[in-house]
N, C-alpha and C. Protein backbone atom coordinates (compact mmCIF):
# COMPACT_ATOMS: atom_id res chain seq x y z
N MET A 1 140.23 114.32 77.91
CA MET A 1 139.16 114.60 78.75
C MET A 1 139.20 113.94 80.15
N ARG A 2 139.74 112.71 80.27
CA ARG A 2 139.94 111.91 81.30
C ARG A 2 140.75 112.69 82.28
N THR A 3 141.77 113.31 81.79
CA THR A 3 142.79 114.05 82.79
C THR A 3 141.94 115.14 83.48
N TYR A 4 141.22 115.90 82.65
CA TYR A 4 140.48 117.00 83.28
C TYR A 4 139.51 116.54 84.23
N TYR A 5 138.85 115.39 84.09
CA TYR A 5 137.98 114.91 84.99
C TYR A 5 138.73 114.59 86.32
N LYS A 6 139.92 113.88 86.17
CA LYS A 6 140.61 113.49 87.38
C LYS A 6 141.08 114.78 88.08
N VAL A 7 141.46 115.88 87.54
CA VAL A 7 141.93 117.09 88.05
C VAL A 7 140.66 117.69 88.90
N ILE A 8 139.54 117.86 88.33
CA ILE A 8 138.40 118.25 88.90
C ILE A 8 137.98 117.51 90.05
N LYS A 9 138.05 116.14 89.90
CA LYS A 9 137.60 115.17 90.96
C LYS A 9 138.35 115.44 92.07
N HIS A 10 139.68 115.45 91.97
CA HIS A 10 140.69 115.58 93.02
C HIS A 10 140.72 117.06 93.69
N ALA A 11 140.36 117.97 92.87
CA ALA A 11 140.25 119.32 93.33
C ALA A 11 139.08 119.58 94.43
N LEU A 12 138.01 118.73 94.09
CA LEU A 12 136.81 118.73 94.84
C LEU A 12 136.89 117.96 96.03
N GLY A 13 137.98 117.05 96.31
CA GLY A 13 138.03 116.43 97.36
C GLY A 13 138.48 114.77 97.39
N SER A 14 138.36 114.27 96.20
CA SER A 14 138.59 112.83 96.06
C SER A 14 140.14 112.72 95.87
N PHE A 15 141.02 112.54 97.02
CA PHE A 15 142.39 112.58 96.67
C PHE A 15 143.08 111.42 97.34
N ASN A 16 142.76 110.10 96.55
CA ASN A 16 143.32 108.95 97.03
C ASN A 16 144.00 108.17 95.96
N THR A 17 144.87 107.32 96.27
CA THR A 17 145.54 106.51 95.28
C THR A 17 144.54 105.59 94.61
N GLU A 18 143.49 105.17 95.26
CA GLU A 18 142.40 104.25 94.76
C GLU A 18 141.70 104.98 93.57
N ASP A 19 141.56 106.37 93.65
CA ASP A 19 140.92 107.07 92.72
C ASP A 19 141.71 107.51 91.51
N GLY A 20 142.90 107.11 91.41
CA GLY A 20 143.72 107.43 90.26
C GLY A 20 144.61 108.70 90.57
N TYR A 21 145.19 108.75 91.89
CA TYR A 21 145.98 109.93 92.26
C TYR A 21 147.43 109.84 91.43
N GLU A 22 147.67 111.11 90.70
CA GLU A 22 149.02 111.19 89.99
C GLU A 22 149.62 112.41 90.58
N LYS A 23 150.95 112.18 90.95
CA LYS A 23 151.66 113.33 91.47
C LYS A 23 151.93 114.42 90.46
N GLU A 24 151.84 114.15 89.11
CA GLU A 24 152.02 115.07 88.06
C GLU A 24 150.84 116.08 88.17
N LEU A 25 149.71 115.77 88.63
CA LEU A 25 148.59 116.59 88.58
C LEU A 25 148.51 117.46 89.82
N GLU A 26 149.20 117.42 90.65
CA GLU A 26 149.16 118.35 91.97
C GLU A 26 149.12 119.81 91.53
N ASN A 27 149.94 120.26 90.64
CA ASN A 27 149.88 121.75 90.30
C ASN A 27 148.56 122.14 89.62
N LYS A 28 148.02 121.21 88.78
CA LYS A 28 146.66 121.61 88.19
C LYS A 28 145.57 121.53 89.28
N ILE A 29 145.67 120.65 90.17
CA ILE A 29 144.74 120.58 91.23
C ILE A 29 144.67 121.77 92.11
N ALA A 30 146.06 122.18 92.36
CA ALA A 30 146.11 123.42 93.20
C ALA A 30 145.51 124.64 92.52
N ALA A 31 145.73 124.75 91.02
CA ALA A 31 145.22 125.82 90.28
C ALA A 31 143.71 125.78 90.27
N VAL A 32 143.03 124.65 90.30
CA VAL A 32 141.62 124.71 90.27
C VAL A 32 141.10 125.16 91.54
N ARG A 33 141.79 124.58 92.85
CA ARG A 33 141.20 124.99 93.94
C ARG A 33 141.51 126.54 94.27
N ILE A 34 142.67 127.07 93.73
CA ILE A 34 142.86 128.57 93.95
C ILE A 34 141.82 129.28 93.16
N PHE A 35 141.44 128.85 91.91
CA PHE A 35 140.24 129.44 91.13
C PHE A 35 139.00 129.41 92.00
N LEU A 36 138.63 128.21 92.42
CA LEU A 36 137.43 128.07 93.33
C LEU A 36 137.42 129.01 94.44
N VAL A 37 138.47 129.11 95.27
CA VAL A 37 138.32 130.05 96.40
C VAL A 37 138.54 131.36 95.95
N GLY A 38 139.30 131.75 94.87
CA GLY A 38 139.32 133.12 94.47
C GLY A 38 137.96 133.68 94.04
N SER A 39 137.21 132.82 93.27
CA SER A 39 135.91 133.27 92.73
C SER A 39 134.94 133.41 93.85
N ASN A 40 135.01 132.60 94.95
CA ASN A 40 134.14 132.67 96.02
C ASN A 40 134.51 134.04 96.73
N LEU A 41 135.89 134.29 96.90
CA LEU A 41 136.20 135.66 97.59
C LEU A 41 135.72 136.76 96.80
N LEU A 42 135.72 136.78 95.53
CA LEU A 42 135.45 137.84 94.61
C LEU A 42 133.97 138.07 94.73
N CYS A 43 133.13 136.95 94.84
CA CYS A 43 131.64 136.93 95.13
C CYS A 43 131.34 137.59 96.43
N VAL A 44 132.07 137.25 97.51
CA VAL A 44 131.80 137.89 98.79
C VAL A 44 132.04 139.36 98.83
N TRP A 45 133.14 139.77 98.15
CA TRP A 45 133.46 141.18 98.22
C TRP A 45 132.42 142.01 97.34
N VAL A 46 131.89 141.44 96.37
CA VAL A 46 130.89 142.09 95.57
C VAL A 46 129.60 142.19 96.37
N ILE A 47 129.33 141.10 97.11
CA ILE A 47 127.98 141.26 97.99
C ILE A 47 128.32 142.29 99.03
N ILE A 48 129.45 142.37 99.65
CA ILE A 48 129.82 143.18 100.74
C ILE A 48 129.70 144.65 100.23
N ALA A 49 130.28 144.90 99.05
CA ALA A 49 130.25 146.24 98.44
C ALA A 49 128.87 146.67 98.07
N ASN A 50 127.86 145.83 97.66
CA ASN A 50 126.64 146.12 97.26
C ASN A 50 125.76 146.49 98.67
N VAL A 51 126.11 145.65 99.79
CA VAL A 51 125.46 146.08 101.03
C VAL A 51 125.83 147.42 101.56
N ILE A 52 127.13 147.76 101.54
CA ILE A 52 127.71 148.98 101.89
C ILE A 52 127.06 150.17 101.02
N ARG A 53 127.03 149.87 99.75
CA ARG A 53 126.49 150.98 98.88
C ARG A 53 125.01 151.13 99.17
N GLY A 54 124.31 150.19 99.62
CA GLY A 54 122.78 150.32 99.92
C GLY A 54 122.64 151.02 101.20
N TRP A 55 123.68 150.95 102.09
CA TRP A 55 123.58 151.62 103.46
C TRP A 55 123.78 153.15 103.21
N VAL A 56 124.89 153.43 102.51
CA VAL A 56 125.35 154.77 102.24
C VAL A 56 124.52 155.54 101.42
N PHE A 57 123.97 155.02 100.30
CA PHE A 57 123.36 155.73 99.43
C PHE A 57 121.79 155.43 99.55
């Protein structure tokens, strides 16, 4: 559980050796960041599609 906390903490911006930075976690941190950005992009496209659908129909 502690490893998951470190990954989430570093993915959200706390990326310092004092906070327990470990080079082994970089790939997991990148995966969490990609998921966060991807989910935001998906949300934006759904909102845009809804606006366009509302204008056309």
